[in-house]
């Protein structure tokens, strides 16, 4: 009996130990997996949101004149700018300022030869005039002789041969007069041709002196002294002159998906890397219709007009452009992460949860959400979204209409949301496991073992 009683007590104590161990393990497991969740929240603010189209472009002078050479030759020297310095990059020039001089020795010789040819042609014209006067005198003499011969007629006083000779002389004189008159016309034509050759030679000679056709600033000098330029089908470019750098343009390549939102006089802001933190403004001046295609992407060039009275913008700077599509004032602003956050399955949710959109609607809404994330939201109806507001130990959903968005904030509209509320943007404390609340019998997936197993 004592041995049997001893074994009974041993079994009882063993069962009691097992119950206590199981209870302790259960309590530890429940305590570990039911720790209070800490939510990261952000305040809802009220302010202004700009819906814009982002693009890149290049700062260009409003009007550029490409000065070329119409003759071939060696560059002998450069002219002087308004300050008396040799023509170079950045030189200010006036209309008619000498930019460069080309070797004119050959063209000067051509001009002298054309001048000599003109003098010879003029002398030939004067000789033709003098010959014509001689022919007229011979015609008058032959006419008088022929008149006397006709009065006498062939007779004993005038032989038949003499009569015929007077008649032939008169007719010859008439023909020679016509030849003399034609020679006068030919001489005049030769003089005119010589004059044209002289004008051409002098004009070619004048082309050896390159002058500025406009008033402006040299932004590019493409030749050096001693360099030989050759004018063929295309005139070689020597200088690039910007007429007025106080008014600049920005040429922007806009995607065909956004070109419908661009209009003339639309406000634009842009920045350049040369002046960090400085925002320049302008307006759309023109939308060019000659589209270009690069890697199956169609783009249109948009010209933006901007004031450069301060002279800070330099030609050909790269510009980051924002076309203002719409501006929302006095709207609610929430962090963009608040619209992407979803509560875990173990977090209590109060209120009616917003229904998930159908796959078809979600597919249609995806491009709009993606556009809003980059600041290119369409001007159509607002996209629906949900933000989560902390309440007690859980959260509740609040439906919102997404108006526009930038890289960090999103403008929304909702009757349930005010600027004094806070929205959830993430979890700031330990969360329950994603295996259904920490069930110890749930399967363990590779790479997602518990911290106890990792230890």
Protein backbone atom coordinates (compact mmCIF):
# COMPACT_ATOMS: atom_id res chain seq x y z
CA UNK A 1 0.00 0.00 0.00
CA UNK A 2 2.69 2.57 0.80
CA UNK A 3 4.43 1.87 -2.54
CA UNK A 4 1.16 2.26 -4.47
CA UNK A 5 0.39 5.53 -2.67
CA UNK A 6 3.89 6.79 -3.49
CA UNK A 7 3.38 6.12 -7.18
CA UNK A 8 -0.01 7.91 -7.10
CA UNK A 9 1.55 11.03 -5.59
CA UNK A 10 4.31 10.93 -8.22
CA UNK A 11 1.80 10.79 -11.08
CA UNK A 12 -0.21 13.66 -9.59
CA UNK A 13 2.85 15.87 -9.25
CA UNK A 14 3.94 15.03 -12.78
CA UNK A 15 0.52 15.92 -14.20
CA UNK A 16 0.50 19.14 -12.21
CA UNK A 17 3.94 20.07 -13.58
CA UNK A 18 2.82 19.38 -17.13
CA UNK A 19 -0.29 21.57 -16.64
CA UNK A 20 1.78 24.42 -15.22
CA UNK A 21 4.36 24.16 -18.02
CA UNK A 22 1.64 24.14 -20.69
CA UNK A 23 -0.14 27.07 -19.10
CA UNK A 24 3.07 29.04 -18.88
CA UNK A 25 3.91 28.32 -22.51
CA UNK A 26 0.40 29.28 -23.59
CA UNK A 27 0.54 32.47 -21.57
CA UNK A 28 3.94 33.35 -23.09
CA UNK A 29 2.71 32.62 -26.59
CA UNK A 30 -0.43 34.72 -26.13
CA UNK A 31 1.52 37.54 -24.55
CA UNK A 32 4.10 37.47 -27.33
CA UNK A 33 1.58 37.51 -30.15
CA UNK A 34 -0.85 40.00 -28.62
CA UNK A 35 1.47 42.86 -27.87
CA UNK A 36 -0.17 46.25 -28.52
CA UNK A 37 0.39 47.50 -32.08
CA UNK A 38 1.97 50.95 -32.51
CA UNK A 39 0.79 52.83 -35.60
CA UNK A 40 2.82 55.47 -37.41
CA UNK A 41 0.51 58.37 -38.27
CA UNK A 42 0.75 61.71 -40.01
CA UNK A 43 -1.41 64.79 -39.73
CA UNK A 44 -3.85 65.83 -42.44
CA UNK A 45 -3.04 69.36 -43.58
CA UNK A 46 -4.81 71.93 -45.70
CA UNK A 47 -3.05 73.75 -48.49
CA UNK A 48 -2.45 74.04 -52.22
CA UNK A 49 -1.65 71.32 -54.74
CA UNK A 50 -0.47 71.79 -58.30
CA UNK A 51 -1.32 69.24 -60.95
CA UNK A 52 1.45 69.47 -63.53
CA UNK A 53 3.10 67.71 -66.46
CA UNK A 54 6.82 67.12 -66.11
CA UNK A 55 9.15 67.24 -69.11
CA UNK A 56 12.68 68.20 -70.05
CA UNK A 57 13.85 70.75 -72.58
CA UNK A 58 16.63 73.06 -73.69
CA UNK A 59 16.99 76.82 -73.31
CA UNK A 60 17.28 78.40 -76.76
CA UNK A 61 17.72 81.99 -77.99
CA UNK A 62 14.47 83.40 -79.35
CA UNK A 63 16.00 84.20 -82.74
CA UNK A 64 19.37 83.03 -84.06
CA UNK A 65 21.09 84.13 -87.27
CA UNK A 66 23.65 81.81 -88.86
CA UNK A 67 26.24 83.92 -90.68
CA UNK A 68 28.01 82.07 -93.50
CA UNK A 69 30.49 82.70 -96.28
CA UNK A 70 29.43 82.98 -99.93
CA UNK A 71 33.00 82.83 -101.26
CA UNK A 72 35.94 80.54 -100.69
CA UNK A 73 39.22 81.65 -99.24
CA UNK A 74 41.45 81.91 -96.20
CA UNK A 75 40.39 83.82 -93.08
CA UNK A 76 42.88 86.68 -92.78
CA UNK A 77 41.57 88.54 -89.72
CA UNK A 78 38.62 89.20 -87.44
CA UNK A 79 36.83 92.50 -87.01
CA UNK A 80 36.23 94.41 -83.77
CA UNK A 81 33.15 94.42 -81.57
CA UNK A 82 31.40 97.36 -79.91
CA UNK A 83 34.15 97.53 -77.27
CA UNK A 84 37.00 97.52 -79.77
CA UNK A 85 38.03 93.94 -79.03
CA UNK A 86 38.48 91.22 -81.67
CA UNK A 87 35.31 89.34 -82.52
CA UNK A 88 34.96 86.30 -80.27
CA UNK A 89 32.42 84.38 -78.19
CA UNK A 90 30.08 86.77 -76.39
CA UNK A 91 31.00 89.81 -78.50
CA UNK A 92 28.26 92.41 -78.86
CA UNK A 93 27.93 93.47 -82.50
CA UNK A 94 25.80 95.96 -84.40
CA UNK A 95 24.32 95.72 -87.85
CA UNK A 96 27.14 96.11 -90.39
CA UNK A 97 29.95 95.32 -87.93
CA UNK A 98 32.87 93.61 -89.69
CA UNK A 99 33.13 90.07 -88.34
CA UNK A 100 35.94 88.64 -90.48
CA UNK A 101 37.91 89.21 -93.66
CA UNK A 102 38.66 86.57 -96.30
CA UNK A 103 41.63 86.72 -98.66
CA UNK A 104 40.34 88.81 -101.61
CA UNK A 105 43.32 88.79 -103.97
CA UNK A 106 41.65 86.53 -106.54
CA UNK A 107 38.35 88.38 -106.35
CA UNK A 108 40.06 91.76 -106.64
CA UNK A 109 41.80 90.54 -109.83
CA UNK A 110 38.45 89.37 -111.21
CA UNK A 111 36.99 92.78 -110.48
CA UNK A 112 39.86 94.55 -112.28
CA UNK A 113 39.46 92.26 -115.27
CA UNK A 114 35.75 92.94 -115.39
CA UNK A 115 36.45 96.68 -115.23
CA UNK A 116 38.85 96.43 -118.17
CA UNK A 117 36.36 94.41 -120.16
CA UNK A 118 33.75 97.08 -119.57
CA UNK A 119 36.08 99.79 -120.83
CA UNK A 120 36.82 97.74 -123.96
CA UNK A 121 33.13 97.20 -124.59
CA UNK A 122 32.41 100.90 -124.20
CA UNK A 123 35.18 101.69 -126.67
CA UNK A 124 33.74 99.19 -129.11
CA UNK A 125 30.37 100.88 -128.75
CA UNK A 126 31.85 104.29 -129.56
CA UNK A 127 33.63 102.82 -132.60
CA UNK A 128 30.40 101.27 -133.78
CA UNK A 129 28.73 104.66 -133.51
CA UNK A 130 31.51 106.27 -135.55
CA UNK A 131 31.31 103.54 -138.20
CA UNK A 132 27.61 104.11 -138.43
CA UNK A 133 28.15 107.79 -139.16
CA UNK A 134 30.57 106.88 -141.97
CA UNK A 135 28.04 104.49 -143.43
CA UNK A 136 25.38 107.16 -143.33
CA UNK A 137 27.68 109.55 -145.21
CA UNK A 138 28.43 106.93 -147.87
CA UNK A 139 24.73 106.22 -148.17
CA UNK A 140 23.97 109.90 -148.77
CA UNK A 141 26.72 110.13 -151.43
CA UNK A 142 25.57 106.99 -153.22
CA UNK A 143 21.99 108.20 -153.07
CA UNK A 144 22.92 111.46 -154.84
CA UNK A 145 24.92 109.59 -157.52
CA UNK A 146 22.10 107.20 -158.10
CA UNK A 147 19.62 110.05 -158.40
CA UNK A 148 21.73 111.73 -161.17
CA UNK A 149 22.19 108.41 -162.93
CA UNK A 150 18.47 107.84 -163.04
CA UNK A 151 17.94 111.27 -164.63
CA UNK A 152 20.44 110.59 -167.37
CA UNK A 153 19.61 106.94 -167.79
CA UNK A 154 21.70 104.68 -170.01
CA UNK A 155 22.78 106.94 -172.94
CA UNK A 156 25.73 108.36 -174.86
CA UNK A 157 26.49 110.50 -171.75
CA UNK A 158 26.27 107.55 -169.25
CA UNK A 159 27.24 104.08 -170.18
CA UNK A 160 25.15 101.15 -169.08
CA UNK A 161 27.95 99.83 -166.86
CA UNK A 162 28.26 103.13 -165.05
CA UNK A 163 24.52 103.26 -164.54
CA UNK A 164 24.56 99.80 -163.00
CA UNK A 165 27.52 100.69 -160.80
CA UNK A 166 25.70 103.70 -159.27
CA UNK A 167 22.67 101.57 -158.57
CA UNK A 168 24.76 98.85 -156.92
CA UNK A 169 26.66 101.37 -154.79
CA UNK A 170 23.43 102.85 -153.49
CA UNK A 171 21.97 99.49 -152.56
CA UNK A 172 25.25 98.45 -150.90
CA UNK A 173 25.29 101.64 -148.85
CA UNK A 174 21.76 100.92 -147.65
CA UNK A 175 22.78 97.40 -146.60
CA UNK A 176 25.92 98.66 -144.86
CA UNK A 177 23.83 101.12 -142.87
CA UNK A 178 21.72 98.26 -141.56
CA UNK A 179 24.91 96.39 -140.62
CA UNK A 180 26.19 99.47 -138.82
CA UNK A 181 22.95 99.80 -136.88
CA UNK A 182 23.17 96.09 -135.85
CA UNK A 183 26.76 96.65 -134.74
CA UNK A 184 25.55 99.45 -132.49
CA UNK A 185 23.06 97.08 -130.84
CA UNK A 186 25.75 94.42 -130.43
CA UNK A 187 28.12 96.93 -128.87
CA UNK A 188 25.45 98.04 -126.40
CA UNK A 189 24.80 94.41 -125.44
CA UNK A 190 28.51 93.83 -124.87
CA UNK A 191 28.65 96.90 -122.66
CA UNK A 192 25.68 95.66 -120.63
CA UNK A 193 27.27 92.23 -120.26
CA UNK A 194 30.55 93.78 -119.15
CA UNK A 195 28.71 95.93 -116.61
CA UNK A 196 26.97 92.82 -115.20
CA UNK A 197 30.29 91.00 -114.95
CA UNK A 198 31.76 93.96 -113.12
CA UNK A 199 28.84 94.06 -110.68
CA UNK A 200 29.23 90.33 -110.06
CA UNK A 201 32.98 90.65 -109.53
CA UNK A 202 32.56 93.58 -107.14
CA UNK A 203 29.84 91.73 -105.21
CA UNK A 204 32.07 88.65 -104.85
CA UNK A 205 34.83 90.97 -103.70
CA UNK A 206 32.53 92.49 -101.10
CA UNK A 207 31.65 89.00 -99.83
CA UNK A 208 35.25 88.69 -98.69
CA UNK A 209 34.34 91.07 -95.86
CA UNK A 210 31.89 89.26 -93.54
CA UNK A 211 29.56 91.71 -91.78
CA UNK A 212 26.84 91.22 -89.19
CA UNK A 213 23.32 91.36 -90.71
CA UNK A 214 21.69 92.06 -87.32
CA UNK A 215 22.41 93.50 -83.91
CA UNK A 216 23.09 90.85 -81.30
CA UNK A 217 25.61 88.71 -79.44
CA UNK A 218 28.06 86.18 -80.89
CA UNK A 219 27.22 82.85 -79.27
CA UNK A 220 29.40 80.71 -81.51
CA UNK A 221 32.56 81.36 -83.57
CA UNK A 222 33.27 78.42 -85.84
CA UNK A 223 36.44 79.52 -87.67
CA UNK A 224 39.95 80.61 -86.77
CA UNK A 225 42.45 82.92 -88.47
CA UNK A 226 44.26 81.01 -91.19
CA UNK A 227 41.43 78.57 -91.74
CA UNK A 228 40.23 78.14 -95.33
CA UNK A 229 36.51 78.14 -95.97
CA UNK A 230 35.05 76.54 -99.08
CA UNK A 231 31.65 77.65 -100.34
CA UNK A 232 29.94 74.98 -102.42
CA UNK A 233 26.27 74.02 -102.45
CA UNK A 234 25.88 75.02 -98.79
CA UNK A 235 27.43 78.17 -97.37
CA UNK A 236 29.89 77.30 -94.58
CA UNK A 237 28.77 78.61 -91.19
CA UNK A 238 31.18 81.09 -89.59
CA UNK A 239 29.29 82.76 -86.74
CA UNK A 240 26.06 82.22 -84.80
CA UNK A 241 24.42 85.45 -83.62
CA UNK A 242 21.56 85.68 -81.11
CA UNK A 243 19.50 88.78 -81.79
CA UNK A 244 18.16 89.29 -78.25
CA UNK A 245 19.22 87.25 -75.22
CA UNK A 246 16.78 89.14 -72.98
CA UNK A 247 14.00 86.95 -74.32
CA UNK A 248 14.68 83.25 -74.37
CA UNK A 249 12.75 80.14 -75.31
CA UNK A 250 12.65 76.65 -73.87
CA UNK A 251 12.09 73.88 -76.39
CA UNK A 252 10.41 70.98 -74.62
CA UNK A 253 9.64 67.49 -75.97
CA UNK A 254 6.15 66.54 -74.72
CA UNK A 255 4.80 63.03 -74.98
CA UNK A 256 1.76 62.51 -77.20
CA UNK A 257 -0.24 61.31 -74.17
CA UNK A 258 0.14 64.74 -72.55
CA UNK A 259 0.08 67.08 -75.55
CA UNK A 260 -3.71 67.41 -75.32
CA UNK A 261 -3.30 69.20 -71.99
CA UNK A 262 -0.92 71.83 -73.42
CA UNK A 263 -2.39 75.14 -74.56
CA UNK A 264 -1.04 78.51 -75.67
CA UNK A 265 -0.36 80.98 -72.80
CA UNK A 266 -0.36 78.11 -70.28
CA UNK A 267 1.74 78.98 -67.19
CA UNK A 268 5.02 77.10 -66.94
CA UNK A 269 7.78 76.91 -64.34
CA UNK A 270 11.21 75.38 -64.84
CA UNK A 271 14.59 74.98 -63.20
CA UNK A 272 18.12 74.64 -64.55
CA UNK A 273 21.04 72.86 -62.94
CA UNK A 274 23.19 75.98 -63.25
CA UNK A 275 21.07 77.77 -60.59
CA UNK A 276 19.91 75.24 -57.96
CA UNK A 277 16.89 76.35 -55.99
CA UNK A 278 15.90 79.07 -58.48
CA UNK A 279 12.59 78.66 -60.29
CA UNK A 280 12.01 80.49 -63.57
CA UNK A 281 8.58 81.15 -65.04
CA UNK A 282 7.21 81.44 -68.55
CA UNK A 283 4.29 80.61 -70.74
CA UNK A 284 3.57 78.37 -73.70
CA UNK A 285 4.08 80.27 -76.93
CA UNK A 286 3.64 77.62 -79.62
CA UNK A 287 3.00 73.91 -80.09
CA UNK A 288 4.81 72.67 -83.17
CA UNK A 289 2.85 70.22 -85.28
CA UNK A 290 5.84 68.40 -86.80
CA UNK A 291 5.99 65.47 -84.38
CA UNK A 292 9.04 63.24 -84.10
CA UNK A 293 9.25 59.54 -83.25
CA UNK A 294 12.08 58.02 -81.21
CA UNK A 295 11.91 54.31 -80.33
CA UNK A 296 8.19 54.24 -81.14
CA UNK A 297 7.53 57.21 -78.82
CA UNK A 298 5.85 60.21 -80.47
CA UNK A 299 6.74 63.62 -79.04
CA UNK A 300 5.82 67.18 -79.94
CA UNK A 301 8.07 70.22 -79.47
CA UNK A 302 6.53 72.96 -77.34
CA UNK A 303 8.04 76.46 -77.33
CA UNK A 304 8.02 78.26 -73.97
CA UNK A 305 8.66 82.00 -73.85
CA UNK A 306 10.44 83.38 -70.80
CA UNK A 307 11.88 86.74 -69.79
CA UNK A 308 15.65 86.86 -69.37
CA UNK A 309 16.13 90.53 -68.55
CA UNK A 310 18.50 89.57 -65.72
CA UNK A 311 20.67 87.64 -68.19
CA UNK A 312 20.95 84.57 -65.96
CA UNK A 313 19.72 82.03 -68.49
CA UNK A 314 22.39 80.95 -70.94
CA UNK A 315 21.72 79.35 -74.33
CA UNK A 316 21.42 75.56 -74.42
CA UNK A 317 21.00 74.93 -70.69
CA UNK A 318 18.97 71.83 -69.83
CA UNK A 319 15.65 72.69 -68.18
CA UNK A 320 13.29 70.64 -65.99
CA UNK A 321 9.86 71.93 -66.93
CA UNK A 322 6.52 71.80 -65.13
CA UNK A 323 3.41 72.63 -67.18
CA UNK A 324 0.64 73.84 -64.85
CA UNK A 325 -2.50 71.86 -65.72
CA UNK A 326 -4.67 72.63 -62.68
CA UNK A 327 -4.12 74.25 -59.31
CA UNK A 328 -6.14 73.09 -56.30
CA UNK A 329 -6.45 75.59 -53.46
CA UNK A 330 -7.57 74.93 -49.87
CA UNK A 331 -7.63 71.15 -50.29
CA UNK A 332 -6.76 68.39 -47.82
CA UNK A 333 -3.24 67.03 -48.17
CA UNK A 334 -2.24 63.58 -46.94
CA UNK A 335 1.03 61.69 -47.34
CA UNK A 336 0.97 59.56 -50.48
CA UNK A 337 2.00 56.53 -48.39
CA UNK A 338 -1.30 56.76 -46.50
CA UNK A 339 -3.18 55.74 -49.65
CA UNK A 340 -0.95 52.70 -50.17
CA UNK A 341 -1.02 51.38 -46.60
CA UNK A 342 -3.28 48.41 -45.78
CA UNK A 343 -3.95 47.12 -42.22
CA UNK A 344 -2.74 43.60 -41.33
CA UNK A 345 -5.32 40.89 -40.84
CA UNK A 346 -4.85 40.87 -37.05
CA UNK A 347 -5.51 44.60 -36.60
CA UNK A 348 -9.09 45.37 -35.52
CA UNK A 349 -11.04 47.31 -38.11
CA UNK A 350 -14.06 49.36 -37.16
CA UNK A 351 -16.62 50.74 -39.54
CA UNK A 352 -17.46 49.35 -42.96
CA UNK A 353 -14.39 48.55 -44.98
CA UNK A 354 -14.30 49.99 -48.48
CA UNK A 355 -14.98 47.42 -51.16
CA UNK A 356 -12.09 46.55 -53.40
CA UNK A 357 -12.68 47.57 -57.02
CA UNK A 358 -13.33 44.93 -59.62
CA UNK A 359 -10.33 43.73 -61.65
CA UNK A 360 -11.54 45.63 -64.71
CA UNK A 361 -11.97 48.90 -62.80
CA UNK A 362 -8.69 48.40 -61.01
CA UNK A 363 -6.96 47.94 -64.35
CA UNK A 364 -8.51 51.17 -65.66
CA UNK A 365 -7.63 53.07 -62.50
CA UNK A 366 -4.02 51.86 -62.40
CA UNK A 367 -2.74 54.25 -65.11
CA UNK A 368 -4.46 57.19 -63.42
CA UNK A 369 -2.91 56.33 -60.03
CA UNK A 370 0.48 55.89 -61.67
CA UNK A 371 0.14 59.27 -63.38
CA UNK A 372 -0.81 60.96 -60.12
CA UNK A 373 2.21 59.48 -58.42
CA UNK A 374 4.42 61.36 -60.85
CA UNK A 375 2.36 64.54 -60.99
CA UNK A 376 0.71 63.75 -64.35
CA UNK A 377 -2.83 63.13 -63.22
CA UNK A 378 -5.44 63.41 -65.88
CA UNK A 379 -8.01 66.17 -65.87
CA UNK A 380 -10.86 63.68 -65.74
CA UNK A 381 -12.92 62.50 -62.77
CA UNK A 382 -11.05 61.99 -59.47
CA UNK A 383 -9.78 58.53 -58.57
CA UNK A 384 -11.22 56.86 -55.48
CA UNK A 385 -8.98 55.88 -52.61
CA UNK A 386 -9.02 54.86 -48.94
CA UNK A 387 -7.04 56.18 -45.99
CA UNK A 388 -7.07 54.64 -42.50
CA UNK A 389 -7.72 56.60 -39.34
CA UNK A 390 -6.63 55.20 -35.92
CA UNK A 391 -9.52 54.54 -33.54
CA UNK A 392 -9.01 52.91 -30.14
CA UNK A 393 -6.97 49.71 -30.61
CA UNK A 394 -7.76 49.53 -34.34
CA UNK A 395 -8.36 51.58 -37.44
CA UNK A 396 -11.30 52.59 -39.59
CA UNK A 397 -11.38 53.31 -43.33
CA UNK A 398 -12.20 56.70 -44.79
CA UNK A 399 -13.10 56.99 -48.45
CA UNK A 400 -11.50 59.89 -50.31
CA UNK A 401 -11.44 61.29 -53.84
CA UNK A 402 -7.87 61.66 -55.11
CA UNK A 403 -7.50 64.98 -56.95
CA UNK A 404 -3.79 65.23 -57.67
CA UNK A 405 -0.47 64.07 -56.29
CA UNK A 406 3.23 64.83 -56.29
CA UNK A 407 6.20 62.87 -55.03
CA UNK A 408 5.24 63.11 -51.34
CA UNK A 409 1.71 64.44 -50.87
CA UNK A 410 -1.71 63.79 -52.36
CA UNK A 411 -4.64 66.17 -52.55
CA UNK A 412 -7.89 64.50 -51.54
CA UNK A 413 -11.51 65.43 -50.96
CA UNK A 414 -13.70 63.74 -48.35
CA UNK A 415 -16.62 64.67 -46.10
CA UNK A 416 -15.29 62.40 -43.35
CA UNK A 417 -11.78 63.85 -43.26
CA UNK A 418 -10.69 67.11 -41.66
CA UNK A 419 -7.37 68.89 -41.29
CA UNK A 420 -7.32 68.06 -37.56
CA UNK A 421 -7.27 64.30 -38.07
CA UNK A 422 -4.33 61.89 -38.42
CA UNK A 423 -4.01 59.06 -40.91
CA UNK A 424 -1.98 55.86 -40.71
CA UNK A 425 1.14 55.70 -42.86
CA UNK A 426 2.72 52.51 -41.44
CA UNK A 427 3.45 50.33 -38.41
CA UNK A 428 5.82 51.66 -35.78
CA UNK A 429 5.81 48.60 -33.44
CA UNK A 430 5.84 44.75 -33.56
CA UNK A 431 3.18 43.22 -35.75
CA UNK A 432 1.53 39.89 -35.73
CA UNK A 433 2.93 37.30 -38.02
CA UNK A 434 1.36 36.90 -41.39
CA UNK A 435 0.71 33.14 -40.74
CA UNK A 436 -2.76 33.76 -39.32
CA UNK A 437 -2.03 35.30 -35.90
CA UNK A 438 1.02 33.27 -34.88
CA UNK A 439 -0.55 29.78 -34.96
CA UNK A 440 2.28 27.40 -33.89
CA UNK A 441 0.85 24.71 -36.15
CA UNK A 442 0.90 26.90 -39.27
CA UNK A 443 3.46 25.86 -41.90
CA UNK A 444 6.80 27.63 -41.77
CA UNK A 445 7.93 28.99 -45.17
CA UNK A 446 11.61 29.28 -46.11
CA UNK A 447 13.11 32.63 -45.19
CA UNK A 448 10.23 33.49 -42.82
CA UNK A 449 11.23 31.49 -39.68
CA UNK A 450 10.56 32.97 -36.26
CA UNK A 451 13.17 34.78 -34.28
CA UNK A 452 13.34 31.82 -31.87
CA UNK A 453 14.18 29.44 -34.71
CA UNK A 454 16.81 31.84 -36.04
CA UNK A 455 18.48 31.88 -32.69
